[in-house]
Amino acid sequence: MQQLPLSKCHNGVGDLQWTEVLNCSADENRKLNFFHDDILKPGVSIGIHHHENDEEYYYIISGRGIMTLDGEEFEVGPEDIAAVYPGGSHGLRNHTDYDLRIIVVSVS
């Protein structure tokens, strides 16, 4: 697995360090779309975006951030999980001086 920069993820700020662990989106018989291991350096964000037909889960491995879920902001930290469901929106920003590492899982 190779870690790659993903610039301005969903119109966010900075470069997300993105590692695609598993991608099943090409197989329409699977409910799992993808599994990522991502790092948001200080000041980096994933822009607020909408989900039409899929669910997405962010599991915080380390660090802290501000999660926006359906217009509300929450501070998140290690072992927190946040879910967005079809019709919802979310985003995440690292407002600290430390890396924020997350696992991202998408299912249909």
PDB file of N, CA and C in Angstrom:
ATOM      1  N   MET A   1       0.844  -1.181   0.000  1.00  0.00           N
ATOM      2  CA  MET A   1       0.000   0.000   0.000  1.00  0.00           C
ATOM      3  C   MET A   1       0.885   1.238   0.000  1.00  0.00           C
ATOM      4  N   GLN A   2       0.513   2.145  -0.821  1.00  0.00           N
ATOM      5  CA  GLN A   2       1.293   3.364  -0.953  1.00  0.00           C
ATOM      6  C   GLN A   2       0.502   4.547  -0.413  1.00  0.00           C
ATOM      7  N   GLN A   3       1.148   5.386   0.386  1.00  0.00           N
ATOM      8  CA  GLN A   3       0.508   6.590   0.895  1.00  0.00           C
ATOM      9  C   GLN A   3       0.736   7.715  -0.110  1.00  0.00           C
ATOM     10  N   LEU A   4      -0.365   8.328  -0.524  1.00  0.00           N
ATOM     11  CA  LEU A   4      -0.298   9.388  -1.528  1.00  0.00           C
ATOM     12  C   LEU A   4      -0.955  10.654  -0.990  1.00  0.00           C
ATOM     13  N   PRO A   5      -0.509  11.817  -1.447  1.00  0.00           N
ATOM     14  CA  PRO A   5      -1.213  13.044  -1.057  1.00  0.00           C
ATOM     15  C   PRO A   5      -2.487  13.212  -1.893  1.00  0.00           C
ATOM     16  N   LEU A   6      -3.533  13.659  -1.248  1.00  0.00           N
ATOM     17  CA  LEU A   6      -4.786  13.979  -1.927  1.00  0.00           C
ATOM     18  C   LEU A   6      -5.071  15.437  -1.620  1.00  0.00           C
ATOM     19  N   SER A   7      -4.885  16.290  -2.607  1.00  0.00           N
ATOM     20  CA  SER A   7      -4.994  17.727  -2.412  1.00  0.00           C
ATOM     21  C   SER A   7      -6.450  18.180  -2.369  1.00  0.00           C
ATOM     22  N   LYS A   8      -6.754  18.999  -1.383  1.00  0.00           N
ATOM     23  CA  LYS A   8      -8.073  19.650  -1.236  1.00  0.00           C
ATOM     24  C   LYS A   8      -9.227  18.646  -1.317  1.00  0.00           C
ATOM     25  N   CYS A   9      -9.157  17.594  -0.517  1.00  0.00           N
ATOM     26  CA  CYS A   9     -10.180  16.543  -0.508  1.00  0.00           C
ATOM     27  C   CYS A   9     -11.568  17.151  -0.267  1.00  0.00           C
ATOM     28  N   HIS A  10     -12.476  16.938  -1.179  1.00  0.00           N
ATOM     29  CA  HIS A  10     -13.838  17.506  -1.115  1.00  0.00           C
ATOM     30  C   HIS A  10     -13.802  19.015  -0.873  1.00  0.00           C
ATOM     31  N   ASN A  11     -12.878  19.694  -1.548  1.00  0.00           N
ATOM     32  CA  ASN A  11     -12.694  21.144  -1.424  1.00  0.00           C
ATOM     33  C   ASN A  11     -12.240  21.573  -0.038  1.00  0.00           C
ATOM     34  N   GLY A  12     -11.538  20.671   0.648  1.00  0.00           N
ATOM     35  CA  GLY A  12     -10.953  21.005   1.940  1.00  0.00           C
ATOM     36  C   GLY A  12      -9.662  21.777   1.761  1.00  0.00           C
ATOM     37  N   VAL A  13      -8.906  21.891   2.847  1.00  0.00           N
ATOM     38  CA  VAL A  13      -7.658  22.656   2.872  1.00  0.00           C
ATOM     39  C   VAL A  13      -6.477  21.702   2.965  1.00  0.00           C
ATOM     40  N   GLY A  14      -5.456  21.931   2.167  1.00  0.00           N
ATOM     41  CA  GLY A  14      -4.208  21.188   2.280  1.00  0.00           C
ATOM     42  C   GLY A  14      -4.250  19.808   1.641  1.00  0.00           C
ATOM     43  N   ASP A  15      -3.215  19.033   1.957  1.00  0.00           N
ATOM     44  CA  ASP A  15      -3.041  17.697   1.391  1.00  0.00           C
ATOM     45  C   ASP A  15      -3.308  16.628   2.441  1.00  0.00           C
ATOM     46  N   LEU A  16      -4.321  15.825   2.210  1.00  0.00           N
ATOM     47  CA  LEU A  16      -4.623  14.657   3.021  1.00  0.00           C
ATOM     48  C   LEU A  16      -3.636  13.564   2.639  1.00  0.00           C
ATOM     49  N   GLN A  17      -3.011  12.902   3.608  1.00  0.00           N
ATOM     50  CA  GLN A  17      -2.139  11.754   3.325  1.00  0.00           C
ATOM     51  C   GLN A  17      -3.037  10.524   3.296  1.00  0.00           C
ATOM     52  N   TRP A  18      -3.242   9.967   2.125  1.00  0.00           N
ATOM     53  CA  TRP A  18      -4.286   8.995   1.825  1.00  0.00           C
ATOM     54  C   TRP A  18      -3.675   7.648   1.484  1.00  0.00           C
ATOM     55  N   THR A  19      -4.100   6.602   2.198  1.00  0.00           N
ATOM     56  CA  THR A  19      -3.673   5.246   1.888  1.00  0.00           C
ATOM     57  C   THR A  19      -4.915   4.418   1.615  1.00  0.00           C
ATOM     58  N   GLU A  20      -5.050   3.945   0.397  1.00  0.00           N
ATOM     59  CA  GLU A  20      -6.178   3.084   0.051  1.00  0.00           C
ATOM     60  C   GLU A  20      -5.823   1.655   0.433  1.00  0.00           C
ATOM     61  N   VAL A  21      -6.478   1.138   1.460  1.00  0.00           N
ATOM     62  CA  VAL A  21      -6.227  -0.214   1.931  1.00  0.00           C
ATOM     63  C   VAL A  21      -6.993  -1.214   1.070  1.00  0.00           C
ATOM     64  N   LEU A  22      -8.233  -0.857   0.722  1.00  0.00           N
ATOM     65  CA  LEU A  22      -9.089  -1.753  -0.055  1.00  0.00           C
ATOM     66  C   LEU A  22     -10.063  -0.913  -0.864  1.00  0.00           C
ATOM     67  N   ASN A  23     -10.258  -1.276  -2.137  1.00  0.00           N
ATOM     68  CA  ASN A  23     -11.225  -0.594  -2.997  1.00  0.00           C
ATOM     69  C   ASN A  23     -12.053  -1.657  -3.706  1.00  0.00           C
ATOM     70  N   CYS A  24     -13.346  -1.672  -3.405  1.00  0.00           N
ATOM     71  CA  CYS A  24     -14.263  -2.640  -4.019  1.00  0.00           C
ATOM     72  C   CYS A  24     -15.328  -1.947  -4.856  1.00  0.00           C
ATOM     73  N   SER A  25     -15.183  -0.656  -5.102  1.00  0.00           N
ATOM     74  CA  SER A  25     -16.247   0.110  -5.753  1.00  0.00           C
ATOM     75  C   SER A  25     -16.561  -0.374  -7.168  1.00  0.00           C
ATOM     76  N   ALA A  26     -15.642  -1.039  -7.826  1.00  0.00           N
ATOM     77  CA  ALA A  26     -15.891  -1.536  -9.185  1.00  0.00           C
ATOM     78  C   ALA A  26     -16.745  -2.799  -9.192  1.00  0.00           C
ATOM     79  N   ASP A  27     -16.895  -3.439  -8.038  1.00  0.00           N
ATOM     80  CA  ASP A  27     -17.668  -4.678  -7.939  1.00  0.00           C
ATOM     81  C   ASP A  27     -19.051  -4.357  -7.370  1.00  0.00           C
ATOM     82  N   GLU A  28     -20.051  -4.270  -8.228  1.00  0.00           N
ATOM     83  CA  GLU A  28     -21.394  -3.875  -7.798  1.00  0.00           C
ATOM     84  C   GLU A  28     -22.070  -4.897  -6.890  1.00  0.00           C
ATOM     85  N   ASN A  29     -21.499  -6.087  -6.747  1.00  0.00           N
ATOM     86  CA  ASN A  29     -22.063  -7.101  -5.860  1.00  0.00           C
ATOM     87  C   ASN A  29     -21.622  -6.929  -4.412  1.00  0.00           C
ATOM     88  N   ARG A  30     -20.710  -6.015  -4.156  1.00  0.00           N
ATOM     89  CA  ARG A  30     -20.206  -5.791  -2.800  1.00  0.00           C
ATOM     90  C   ARG A  30     -20.840  -4.547  -2.189  1.00  0.00           C
ATOM     91  N   LYS A  31     -21.065  -4.608  -0.891  1.00  0.00           N
ATOM     92  CA  LYS A  31     -21.579  -3.449  -0.173  1.00  0.00           C
ATOM     93  C   LYS A  31     -20.447  -2.518   0.268  1.00  0.00           C
ATOM     94  N   LEU A  32     -19.245  -3.078   0.482  1.00  0.00           N
ATOM     95  CA  LEU A  32     -18.089  -2.267   0.854  1.00  0.00           C
ATOM     96  C   LEU A  32     -17.558  -1.553  -0.384  1.00  0.00           C
ATOM     97  N   ASN A  33     -17.463  -0.227  -0.303  1.00  0.00           N
ATOM     98  CA  ASN A  33     -16.903   0.555  -1.411  1.00  0.00           C
ATOM     99  C   ASN A  33     -15.387   0.698  -1.271  1.00  0.00           C
ATOM    100  N   PHE A  34     -14.950   1.146  -0.077  1.00  0.00           N
ATOM    101  CA  PHE A  34     -13.519   1.303   0.152  1.00  0.00           C
ATOM    102  C   PHE A  34     -13.207   1.363   1.639  1.00  0.00           C
ATOM    103  N   PHE A  35     -11.908   1.196   1.921  1.00  0.00           N
ATOM    104  CA  PHE A  35     -11.353   1.259   3.264  1.00  0.00           C
ATOM    105  C   PHE A  35     -10.066   2.059   3.139  1.00  0.00           C
ATOM    106  N   HIS A  36      -9.971   3.202   3.824  1.00  0.00           N
ATOM    107  CA  HIS A  36      -8.789   4.068   3.760  1.00  0.00           C
ATOM    108  C   HIS A  36      -8.170   4.244   5.140  1.00  0.00           C
ATOM    109  N   ASP A  37      -6.884   4.483   5.171  1.00  0.00           N
ATOM    110  CA  ASP A  37      -6.144   4.882   6.360  1.00  0.00           C
ATOM    111  C   ASP A  37      -5.558   6.248   6.012  1.00  0.00           C
ATOM    112  N   ASP A  38      -6.080   7.308   6.632  1.00  0.00           N
ATOM    113  CA  ASP A  38      -5.739   8.673   6.237  1.00  0.00           C
ATOM    114  C   ASP A  38      -5.120   9.464   7.385  1.00  0.00           C
ATOM    115  N   ILE A  39      -4.265  10.407   7.033  1.00  0.00           N
ATOM    116  CA  ILE A  39      -3.665  11.316   8.013  1.00  0.00           C
ATOM    117  C   ILE A  39      -3.922  12.743   7.565  1.00  0.00           C
ATOM    118  N   LEU A  40      -4.477  13.530   8.479  1.00  0.00           N
ATOM    119  CA  LEU A  40      -4.652  14.962   8.268  1.00  0.00           C
ATOM    120  C   LEU A  40      -3.596  15.664   9.113  1.00  0.00           C
ATOM    121  N   LYS A  41      -2.641  16.293   8.462  1.00  0.00           N
ATOM    122  CA  LYS A  41      -1.625  17.083   9.154  1.00  0.00           C
ATOM    123  C   LYS A  41      -2.307  18.312   9.769  1.00  0.00           C
ATOM    124  N   PRO A  42      -1.641  19.008  10.689  1.00  0.00           N
ATOM    125  CA  PRO A  42      -2.225  20.219  11.273  1.00  0.00           C
ATOM    126  C   PRO A  42      -2.693  21.188  10.186  1.00  0.00           C
ATOM    127  N   GLY A  43      -3.917  21.684  10.350  1.00  0.00           N
ATOM    128  CA  GLY A  43      -4.496  22.648   9.413  1.00  0.00           C
ATOM    129  C   GLY A  43      -5.192  22.039   8.213  1.00  0.00           C
ATOM    130  N   VAL A  44      -5.072  20.732   8.016  1.00  0.00           N
ATOM    131  CA  VAL A  44      -5.675  20.059   6.856  1.00  0.00           C
ATOM    132  C   VAL A  44      -7.129  19.713   7.166  1.00  0.00           C
ATOM    133  N   SER A  45      -7.976  19.776   6.138  1.00  0.00           N
ATOM    134  CA  SER A  45      -9.384  19.427   6.320  1.00  0.00           C
ATOM    135  C   SER A  45      -9.910  18.628   5.142  1.00  0.00           C
ATOM    136  N   ILE A  46     -10.950  17.860   5.424  1.00  0.00           N
ATOM    137  CA  ILE A  46     -11.782  17.224   4.408  1.00  0.00           C
ATOM    138  C   ILE A  46     -13.022  18.097   4.343  1.00  0.00           C
ATOM    139  N   GLY A  47     -13.283  18.694   3.193  1.00  0.00           N
ATOM    140  CA  GLY A  47     -14.391  19.632   3.071  1.00  0.00           C
ATOM    141  C   GLY A  47     -15.746  18.983   3.319  1.00  0.00           C
ATOM    142  N   ILE A  48     -16.685  19.778   3.735  1.00  0.00           N
ATOM    143  CA  ILE A  48     -18.044  19.287   3.969  1.00  0.00           C
ATOM    144  C   ILE A  48     -18.638  18.867   2.633  1.00  0.00           C
ATOM    145  N   HIS A  49     -19.153  17.640   2.613  1.00  0.00           N
ATOM    146  CA  HIS A  49     -19.715  17.095   1.383  1.00  0.00           C
ATOM    147  C   HIS A  49     -20.923  16.229   1.708  1.00  0.00           C
ATOM    148  N   HIS A  50     -21.735  15.997   0.708  1.00  0.00           N
ATOM    149  CA  HIS A  50     -23.026  15.318   0.835  1.00  0.00           C
ATOM    150  C   HIS A  50     -22.919  13.875   0.338  1.00  0.00           C
ATOM    151  N   HIS A  51     -23.647  12.983   0.978  1.00  0.00           N
ATOM    152  CA  HIS A  51     -23.702  11.583   0.549  1.00  0.00           C
ATOM    153  C   HIS A  51     -25.121  11.259   0.098  1.00  0.00           C
ATOM    154  N   GLU A  52     -25.252  10.814  -1.130  1.00  0.00           N
ATOM    155  CA  GLU A  52     -26.565  10.484  -1.689  1.00  0.00           C
ATOM    156  C   GLU A  52     -27.011   9.073  -1.339  1.00  0.00           C
ATOM    157  N   ASN A  53     -26.196   8.087  -1.720  1.00  0.00           N
ATOM    158  CA  ASN A  53     -26.626   6.690  -1.644  1.00  0.00           C
ATOM    159  C   ASN A  53     -25.708   5.795  -0.825  1.00  0.00           C
ATOM    160  N   ASP A  54     -24.719   6.366  -0.172  1.00  0.00           N
ATOM    161  CA  ASP A  54     -23.784   5.540   0.585  1.00  0.00           C
ATOM    162  C   ASP A  54     -23.656   6.032   2.017  1.00  0.00           C
ATOM    163  N   GLU A  55     -23.093   5.171   2.848  1.00  0.00           N
ATOM    164  CA  GLU A  55     -22.774   5.506   4.230  1.00  0.00           C
ATOM    165  C   GLU A  55     -21.265   5.573   4.338  1.00  0.00           C
ATOM    166  N   GLU A  56     -20.789   6.436   5.230  1.00  0.00           N
ATOM    167  CA  GLU A  56     -19.351   6.532   5.435  1.00  0.00           C
ATOM    168  C   GLU A  56     -19.084   6.681   6.921  1.00  0.00           C
ATOM    169  N   TYR A  57     -18.050   5.970   7.391  1.00  0.00           N
ATOM    170  CA  TYR A  57     -17.694   5.957   8.802  1.00  0.00           C
ATOM    171  C   TYR A  57     -16.266   6.442   8.967  1.00  0.00           C
ATOM    172  N   TYR A  58     -16.032   7.364   9.892  1.00  0.00           N
ATOM    173  CA  TYR A  58     -14.694   7.836  10.232  1.00  0.00           C
ATOM    174  C   TYR A  58     -14.393   7.346  11.646  1.00  0.00           C
ATOM    175  N   TYR A  59     -13.352   6.543  11.793  1.00  0.00           N
ATOM    176  CA  TYR A  59     -12.904   6.074  13.097  1.00  0.00           C
ATOM    177  C   TYR A  59     -11.588   6.774  13.409  1.00  0.00           C
ATOM    178  N   ILE A  60     -11.533   7.488  14.540  1.00  0.00           N
ATOM    179  CA  ILE A  60     -10.355   8.256  14.892  1.00  0.00           C
ATOM    180  C   ILE A  60      -9.349   7.335  15.583  1.00  0.00           C
ATOM    181  N   ILE A  61      -8.165   7.210  14.988  1.00  0.00           N
ATOM    182  CA  ILE A  61      -7.090   6.398  15.550  1.00  0.00           C
ATOM    183  C   ILE A  61      -6.279   7.225  16.550  1.00  0.00           C
ATOM    184  N   SER A  62      -5.872   8.418  16.131  1.00  0.00           N
ATOM    185  CA  SER A  62      -5.080   9.289  17.000  1.00  0.00           C
ATOM    186  C   SER A  62      -5.281  10.742  16.586  1.00  0.00           C
ATOM    187  N   GLY A  63      -5.012  11.633  17.508  1.00  0.00           N
ATOM    188  CA  GLY A  63      -5.176  13.055  17.261  1.00  0.00           C
ATOM    189  C   GLY A  63      -6.586  13.519  17.587  1.00  0.00           C
ATOM    190  N   ARG A  64      -6.834  14.791  17.302  1.00  0.00           N
ATOM    191  CA  ARG A  64      -8.134  15.394  17.579  1.00  0.00           C
ATOM    192  C   ARG A  64      -8.538  16.238  16.373  1.00  0.00           C
ATOM    193  N   GLY A  65      -9.852  16.437  16.226  1.00  0.00           N
ATOM    194  CA  GLY A  65     -10.339  17.254  15.127  1.00  0.00           C
ATOM    195  C   GLY A  65     -11.739  17.741  15.389  1.00  0.00           C
ATOM    196  N   ILE A  66     -12.244  18.530  14.460  1.00  0.00           N
ATOM    197  CA  ILE A  66     -13.619  19.017  14.504  1.00  0.00           C
ATOM    198  C   ILE A  66     -14.377  18.343  13.365  1.00  0.00           C
ATOM    199  N   MET A  67     -15.359  17.526  13.730  1.00  0.00           N
ATOM    200  CA  MET A  67     -16.209  16.829  12.766  1.00  0.00           C
ATOM    201  C   MET A  67     -17.490  17.634  12.595  1.00  0.00           C
ATOM    202  N   THR A  68     -17.872  17.862  11.357  1.00  0.00           N
ATOM    203  CA  THR A  68     -19.168  18.477  11.053  1.00  0.00           C
ATOM    204  C   THR A  68     -20.074  17.384  10.521  1.00  0.00           C
ATOM    205  N   LEU A  69     -21.204  17.165  11.204  1.00  0.00           N
ATOM    206  CA  LEU A  69     -22.199  16.176  10.799  1.00  0.00           C
ATOM    207  C   LEU A  69     -23.538  16.875  10.633  1.00  0.00           C
ATOM    208  N   ASP A  70     -24.042  16.873   9.414  1.00  0.00           N
ATOM    209  CA  ASP A  70     -25.346  17.472   9.130  1.00  0.00           C
ATOM    210  C   ASP A  70     -25.472  18.866   9.739  1.00  0.00           C
ATOM    211  N   GLY A  71     -24.405  19.665   9.597  1.00  0.00           N
ATOM    212  CA  GLY A  71     -24.424  21.057  10.021  1.00  0.00           C
ATOM    213  C   GLY A  71     -24.025  21.313  11.462  1.00  0.00           C
ATOM    214  N   GLU A  72     -23.825  20.278  12.271  1.00  0.00           N
ATOM    215  CA  GLU A  72     -23.406  20.450  13.661  1.00  0.00           C
ATOM    216  C   GLU A  72     -21.949  20.065  13.816  1.00  0.00           C
ATOM    217  N   GLU A  73     -21.213  20.808  14.651  1.00  0.00           N
ATOM    218  CA  GLU A  73     -19.805  20.524  14.881  1.00  0.00           C
ATOM    219  C   GLU A  73     -19.603  19.801  16.206  1.00  0.00           C
ATOM    220  N   PHE A  74     -18.679  18.827  16.189  1.00  0.00           N
ATOM    221  CA  PHE A  74     -18.336  18.039  17.367  1.00  0.00           C
ATOM    222  C   PHE A  74     -16.829  17.870  17.408  1.00  0.00           C
ATOM    223  N   GLU A  75     -16.235  17.950  18.594  1.00  0.00           N
ATOM    224  CA  GLU A  75     -14.817  17.604  18.721  1.00  0.00           C
ATOM    225  C   GLU A  75     -14.714  16.087  18.799  1.00  0.00           C
ATOM    226  N   VAL A  76     -13.759  15.534  18.058  1.00  0.00           N
ATOM    227  CA  VAL A  76     -13.542  14.092  18.045  1.00  0.00           C
ATOM    228  C   VAL A  76     -12.096  13.790  18.414  1.00  0.00           C
ATOM    229  N   GLY A  77     -11.901  12.587  18.970  1.00  0.00           N
ATOM    230  CA  GLY A  77     -10.568  12.158  19.367  1.00  0.00           C
ATOM    231  C   GLY A  77     -10.463  10.648  19.293  1.00  0.00           C
ATOM    232  N   PRO A  78      -9.366  10.095  19.797  1.00  0.00           N
ATOM    233  CA  PRO A  78      -9.119   8.659  19.701  1.00  0.00           C
ATOM    234  C   PRO A  78     -10.296   7.809  20.166  1.00  0.00           C
ATOM    235  N   GLU A  79     -10.596   6.803  19.356  1.00  0.00           N
ATOM    236  CA  GLU A  79     -11.654   5.819  19.565  1.00  0.00           C
ATOM    237  C   GLU A  79     -13.059   6.349  19.287  1.00  0.00           C
ATOM    238  N   ASP A  80     -13.198   7.595  18.853  1.00  0.00           N
ATOM    239  CA  ASP A  80     -14.510   8.098  18.419  1.00  0.00           C
ATOM    240  C   ASP A  80     -14.790   7.587  17.017  1.00  0.00           C
ATOM    241  N   ILE A  81     -16.067   7.398  16.733  1.00  0.00           N
ATOM    242  CA  ILE A  81     -16.496   7.029  15.383  1.00  0.00           C
ATOM    243  C   ILE A  81     -17.648   7.950  15.010  1.00  0.00           C
ATOM    244  N   ALA A  82     -17.641   8.416  13.775  1.00  0.00           N
ATOM    245  CA  ALA A  82     -18.709   9.275  13.268  1.00  0.00           C
ATOM    246  C   ALA A  82     -19.229   8.651  11.984  1.00  0.00           C
ATOM    247  N   ALA A  83     -20.546   8.674  11.825  1.00  0.00           N
ATOM    248  CA  ALA A  83     -21.175   8.071  10.651  1.00  0.00           C
ATOM    249  C   ALA A  83     -22.030   9.099   9.937  1.00  0.00           C
ATOM    250  N   VAL A  84     -22.002   9.040   8.615  1.00  0.00           N
ATOM    251  CA  VAL A  84     -22.917   9.827   7.800  1.00  0.00           C
ATOM    252  C   VAL A  84     -23.708   8.826   6.960  1.00  0.00           C
ATOM    253  N   TYR A  85     -25.005   9.069   6.867  1.00  0.00           N
ATOM    254  CA  TYR A  85     -25.922   8.155   6.186  1.00  0.00           C
ATOM    255  C   TYR A  85     -26.449   8.795   4.908  1.00  0.00           C
ATOM    256  N   PRO A  86     -27.066   8.022   4.014  1.00  0.00           N
ATOM    257  CA  PRO A  86     -27.596   8.609   2.787  1.00  0.00           C
ATOM    258  C   PRO A  86     -28.461   9.836   3.078  1.00  0.00           C
ATOM    259  N   GLY A  87     -28.168  10.893   2.345  1.00  0.00           N
ATOM    260  CA  GLY A  87     -28.869  12.158   2.532  1.00  0.00           C
ATOM    261  C   GLY A  87     -28.168  13.101   3.488  1.00  0.00           C
ATOM    262  N   GLY A  88     -27.118  12.637   4.160  1.00  0.00           N
ATOM    263  CA  GLY A  88     -26.408  13.459   5.143  1.00  0.00           C
ATOM    264  C   GLY A  88     -25.153  14.090   4.573  1.00  0.00           C
ATOM    265  N   SER A  89     -24.534  14.926   5.398  1.00  0.00           N
ATOM    266  CA  SER A  89     -23.289  15.582   5.002  1.00  0.00           C
ATOM    267  C   SER A  89     -22.313  15.564   6.168  1.00  0.00           C
ATOM    268  N   HIS A  90     -21.019  15.645   5.820  1.00  0.00           N
ATOM    269  CA  HIS A  90     -19.992  15.696   6.858  1.00  0.00           C
ATOM    270  C   HIS A  90     -18.693  16.252   6.304  1.00  0.00           C
ATOM    271  N   GLY A  91     -17.814  16.615   7.224  1.00  0.00           N
ATOM    272  CA  GLY A  91     -16.475  17.075   6.922  1.00  0.00           C
ATOM    273  C   GLY A  91     -15.647  16.969   8.190  1.00  0.00           C
ATOM    274  N   LEU A  92     -14.331  17.119   8.078  1.00  0.00           N
ATOM    275  CA  LEU A  92     -13.447  16.981   9.225  1.00  0.00           C
ATOM    276  C   LEU A  92     -12.266  17.920   9.045  1.00  0.00           C
ATOM    277  N   ARG A  93     -11.870  18.573  10.141  1.00  0.00           N
ATOM    278  CA  ARG A  93     -10.682  19.424  10.065  1.00  0.00           C
ATOM    279  C   ARG A  93      -9.805  19.212  11.289  1.00  0.00           C
ATOM    280  N   ASN A  94      -8.521  19.251  11.041  1.00  0.00           N
ATOM    281  CA  ASN A  94      -7.534  19.142  12.110  1.00  0.00           C
ATOM    282  C   ASN A  94      -7.179  20.548  12.552  1.00  0.00           C
ATOM    283  N   HIS A  95      -7.657  20.922  13.724  1.00  0.00           N
ATOM    284  CA  HIS A  95      -7.433  22.262  14.274  1.00  0.00           C
ATOM    285  C   HIS A  95      -6.301  22.287  15.297  1.00  0.00           C
ATOM    286  N   THR A  96      -5.517  21.196  15.365  1.00  0.00           N
ATOM    287  CA  THR A  96      -4.471  21.082  16.378  1.00  0.00           C
ATOM    288  C   THR A  96      -3.083  21.170  15.750  1.00  0.00           C
ATOM    289  N   ASP A  97      -2.068  21.022  16.602  1.00  0.00           N
ATOM    290  CA  ASP A  97      -0.675  21.022  16.144  1.00  0.00           C
ATOM    291  C   ASP A  97      -0.134  19.617  15.912  1.00  0.00           C
ATOM    292  N   TYR A  98      -0.999  18.606  15.957  1.00  0.00           N
ATOM    293  CA  TYR A  98      -0.594  17.210  15.833  1.00  0.00           C
ATOM    294  C   TYR A  98      -1.347  16.531  14.692  1.00  0.00           C
ATOM    295  N   ASP A  99      -0.786  15.450  14.178  1.00  0.00           N
ATOM    296  CA  ASP A  99      -1.457  14.683  13.124  1.00  0.00           C
ATOM    297  C   ASP A  99      -2.767  14.094  13.637  1.00  0.00           C
ATOM    298  N   LEU A 100      -3.741  13.985  12.741  1.00  0.00           N
ATOM    299  CA  LEU A 100      -5.025  13.338  13.006  1.00  0.00           C
ATOM    300  C   LEU A 100      -5.105  12.147  12.054  1.00  0.00           C
ATOM    301  N   ARG A 101      -5.138  10.935  12.618  1.00  0.00           N
ATOM    302  CA  ARG A 101      -5.177   9.716  11.796  1.00  0.00           C
ATOM    303  C   ARG A 101      -6.557   9.088  11.907  1.00  0.00           C
ATOM    304  N   ILE A 102      -7.149   8.763  10.754  1.00  0.00           N
ATOM    305  CA  ILE A 102      -8.498   8.205  10.722  1.00  0.00           C
ATOM    306  C   ILE A 102      -8.553   7.001   9.793  1.00  0.00           C
ATOM    307  N   ILE A 103      -9.485   6.105  10.101  1.00  0.00           N
ATOM    308  CA  ILE A 103      -9.871   5.031   9.201  1.00  0.00           C
ATOM    309  C   ILE A 103     -11.199   5.454   8.582  1.00  0.00           C
ATOM    310  N   VAL A 104     -11.317   5.357   7.273  1.00  0.00           N
ATOM    311  CA  VAL A 104     -12.544   5.726   6.570  1.00  0.00           C
ATOM    312  C   VAL A 104     -13.085   4.481   5.871  1.00  0.00           C
ATOM    313  N   VAL A 105     -14.344   4.155   6.152  1.00  0.00           N
ATOM    314  CA  VAL A 105     -15.000   2.995   5.531  1.00  0.00           C
ATOM    315  C   VAL A 105     -16.278   3.483   4.849  1.00  0.00           C
ATOM    316  N   SER A 106     -16.438   3.118   3.590  1.00  0.00           N
ATOM    317  CA  SER A 106     -17.628   3.485   2.818  1.00  0.00           C
ATOM    318  C   SER A 106     -18.373   2.221   2.401  1.00  0.00           C
ATOM    319  N   VAL A 107     -19.693   2.212   2.617  1.00  0.00           N
ATOM    320  CA  VAL A 107     -20.535   1.095   2.216  1.00  0.00           C
ATOM    321  C   VAL A 107     -21.775   1.610   1.511  1.00  0.00           C
ATOM    322  N   SER A 108     -22.319   0.777   0.623  1.00  0.00           N
ATOM    323  CA  SER A 108     -23.547   1.132  -0.103  1.00  0.00           C
ATOM    324  C   SER A 108     -24.701   0.305   0.419  1.00  0.00           C
TER     325      SER A 108
END
